[in-house]
């Protein structure tokens, strides 16, 4: 019986992979490119018929991600690039940002009280509030940089969390 269940899981995973669509954008790491990155995420979301509230959340999260990469990950790096991947499948929507910065432990970023008065430091808070899963891991395989992955489950997409 377990063998049939394993085969069923494999078949489900293969079906999802076959139905997955990936869009990508490769841009220089420059704050002036922020509007291009946001427009890319918005265009892909709209063209694929995603819920407008979900699209707005993805655009906001993408803007925070790109801003943090430019200002923090690439601050002491010479000319660098950011690769953005927008992944769609029947179960989830994911944004993946590849940078060329030093390793970054997103789990070490405190979970600030949104009512606390602070200058800056809200980008990770917003990404965590808007998405179901936020991870940042080293790229690995001898590549420098990080992979920031933001995931929103499709069945939850209608119920976007309100920040604050």
Protein backbone atom coordinates (compact mmCIF):
# COMPACT_ATOMS: atom_id res chain seq x y z
CA UNK A 1 0.00 0.00 0.00
CA UNK A 2 2.79 2.41 0.87
CA UNK A 3 4.37 1.83 -2.55
CA UNK A 4 1.14 3.00 -4.23
CA UNK A 5 1.00 6.03 -1.97
CA UNK A 6 4.61 6.91 -2.87
CA UNK A 7 3.83 6.51 -6.56
CA UNK A 8 0.81 8.78 -6.10
CA UNK A 9 2.95 11.46 -4.41
CA UNK A 10 5.53 11.23 -7.18
CA UNK A 11 2.81 11.51 -9.82
CA UNK A 12 1.38 14.58 -8.02
CA UNK A 13 4.82 16.22 -7.88
CA UNK A 14 5.43 15.49 -11.57
CA UNK A 15 2.04 17.01 -12.44
CA UNK A 16 2.85 20.17 -10.45
CA UNK A 17 6.26 20.45 -12.11
CA UNK A 18 4.65 20.08 -15.54
CA UNK A 19 2.16 22.83 -14.66
CA UNK A 20 4.77 25.17 -13.19
CA UNK A 21 5.60 28.35 -15.07
CA UNK A 22 8.71 30.41 -14.32
CA UNK A 23 9.35 33.98 -15.43
CA UNK A 24 12.70 35.65 -14.84
CA UNK A 25 14.34 39.06 -14.88
CA UNK A 26 18.05 39.84 -14.53
CA UNK A 27 18.88 43.44 -13.56
CA UNK A 28 21.82 45.47 -12.29
CA UNK A 29 21.83 46.10 -8.55
CA UNK A 30 20.83 49.75 -8.51
CA UNK A 31 18.02 51.43 -6.58
CA UNK A 32 17.01 53.12 -9.85
CA UNK A 33 15.91 49.68 -11.12
CA UNK A 34 13.36 49.25 -8.29
CA UNK A 35 10.42 50.37 -10.45
CA UNK A 36 11.44 47.88 -13.16
CA UNK A 37 11.50 45.00 -10.67
CA UNK A 38 8.12 45.99 -9.25
CA UNK A 39 6.62 46.37 -12.75
CA UNK A 40 7.92 42.90 -13.70
CA UNK A 41 6.19 41.28 -10.70
CA UNK A 42 2.98 43.24 -11.30
CA UNK A 43 2.90 42.39 -15.02
CA UNK A 44 3.43 38.67 -14.47
CA UNK A 45 0.76 38.58 -11.76
CA UNK A 46 -1.81 40.51 -13.78
CA UNK A 47 -1.13 38.60 -17.02
CA UNK A 48 -1.66 35.32 -15.16
CA UNK A 49 -4.97 36.44 -13.66
CA UNK A 50 -3.88 36.52 -10.03
CA UNK A 51 -6.12 38.18 -7.48
CA UNK A 52 -5.37 41.95 -7.45
CA UNK A 53 -4.80 41.93 -3.67
CA UNK A 54 -2.26 39.14 -4.07
CA UNK A 55 -0.53 41.04 -6.89
CA UNK A 56 -0.27 44.17 -4.71
CA UNK A 57 1.22 42.10 -1.88
CA UNK A 58 3.73 40.47 -4.21
CA UNK A 59 4.74 43.86 -5.63
CA UNK A 60 5.22 45.32 -2.14
CA UNK A 61 7.24 42.30 -0.97
CA UNK A 62 9.35 42.38 -4.15
CA UNK A 63 10.07 46.08 -3.67
CA UNK A 64 11.24 45.48 -0.11
CA UNK A 65 13.40 42.54 -1.22
CA UNK A 66 15.12 44.48 -4.01
CA UNK A 67 15.64 47.52 -1.78
CA UNK A 68 17.25 45.37 0.93
CA UNK A 69 19.49 43.61 -1.60
CA UNK A 70 20.72 46.88 -3.12
CA UNK A 71 21.18 48.70 0.21
CA UNK A 72 22.51 45.85 2.34
CA UNK A 73 23.65 42.76 0.43
CA UNK A 74 25.41 44.72 -2.31
CA UNK A 75 26.54 47.71 -0.22
CA UNK A 76 30.22 46.68 -0.22
CA UNK A 77 30.16 44.70 -3.45
CA UNK A 78 31.27 46.21 -6.75
CA UNK A 79 28.91 46.10 -9.70
CA UNK A 80 26.44 43.29 -8.97
CA UNK A 81 23.30 41.81 -10.44
CA UNK A 82 19.95 40.63 -9.09
CA UNK A 83 18.08 37.76 -10.66
CA UNK A 84 14.34 37.61 -9.97
CA UNK A 85 12.28 34.48 -10.59
CA UNK A 86 8.47 34.48 -10.45
CA UNK A 87 7.22 30.91 -10.12
CA UNK A 88 3.58 29.95 -10.59
CA UNK A 89 2.00 26.57 -10.09
CA UNK A 90 -1.49 25.42 -9.08
CA UNK A 91 -0.60 25.35 -5.38
CA UNK A 92 1.61 28.39 -4.81
CA UNK A 93 3.23 31.57 -6.04
CA UNK A 94 6.92 32.11 -5.28
CA UNK A 95 9.39 34.92 -5.81
CA UNK A 96 13.08 34.09 -5.68
CA UNK A 97 15.78 36.76 -5.58
CA UNK A 98 19.40 35.77 -6.24
CA UNK A 99 22.01 38.28 -5.07
CA UNK A 100 25.80 38.39 -4.95
CA UNK A 101 26.16 39.57 -1.35
CA UNK A 102 27.60 38.03 1.79
CA UNK A 103 25.59 35.28 3.48
CA UNK A 104 22.59 36.66 5.34
CA UNK A 105 20.66 34.95 8.15
CA UNK A 106 17.10 36.26 7.89
CA UNK A 107 16.15 34.30 11.01
CA UNK A 108 18.46 36.59 13.00
CA UNK A 109 16.30 39.61 12.10
CA UNK A 110 14.11 40.34 15.14
CA UNK A 111 10.34 40.26 14.87
CA UNK A 112 9.75 43.94 15.68
CA UNK A 113 6.53 45.27 17.12
CA UNK A 114 4.92 47.15 14.20
CA UNK A 115 3.85 49.94 16.57
CA UNK A 116 7.42 50.61 17.70
CA UNK A 117 8.82 53.86 16.36
CA UNK A 118 11.89 53.11 14.24
CA UNK A 119 13.63 54.45 11.19
CA UNK A 120 13.94 51.61 8.70
CA UNK A 121 13.93 47.93 9.54
CA UNK A 122 10.44 47.23 8.21
CA UNK A 123 11.30 45.38 4.99
CA UNK A 124 11.68 41.92 6.52
CA UNK A 125 8.64 42.57 8.73
CA UNK A 126 6.52 43.34 5.66
CA UNK A 127 7.77 40.30 3.74
CA UNK A 128 6.99 38.05 6.73
CA UNK A 129 3.54 39.63 7.17
CA UNK A 130 2.56 39.32 3.50
CA UNK A 131 3.95 35.88 2.64
CA UNK A 132 3.45 32.37 4.02
CA UNK A 133 7.15 31.50 3.90
CA UNK A 134 10.23 33.74 3.84
CA UNK A 135 13.65 32.10 3.60
CA UNK A 136 17.12 33.32 2.79
CA UNK A 137 19.84 30.77 2.17
CA UNK A 138 23.32 30.81 0.65
CA UNK A 139 23.24 30.03 -3.07
CA UNK A 140 25.69 27.14 -2.60
CA UNK A 141 27.59 25.15 -5.23
CA UNK A 142 30.51 27.57 -5.08
CA UNK A 143 28.35 30.58 -5.95
CA UNK A 144 28.53 33.70 -3.83
CA UNK A 145 25.35 35.33 -2.66
CA UNK A 146 21.96 34.41 -1.32
CA UNK A 147 18.62 33.11 -2.48
CA UNK A 148 15.73 34.97 -0.86
CA UNK A 149 12.54 32.96 -1.41
CA UNK A 150 9.06 34.38 -0.73
CA UNK A 151 6.15 31.93 -1.02
CA UNK A 152 2.38 32.38 -0.88
CA UNK A 153 0.10 29.35 -1.06
CA UNK A 154 -2.58 29.75 -3.73
CA UNK A 155 -5.47 28.62 -1.52
CA UNK A 156 -4.46 31.29 1.00
CA UNK A 157 -3.97 33.92 -1.67
CA UNK A 158 -7.51 35.26 -1.28
CA UNK A 159 -6.87 36.00 2.39
CA UNK A 160 -3.93 38.38 2.32
CA UNK A 161 -2.85 39.30 5.84
CA UNK A 162 -3.14 42.92 6.83
CA UNK A 163 0.14 44.39 8.09
CA UNK A 164 0.01 45.93 11.54
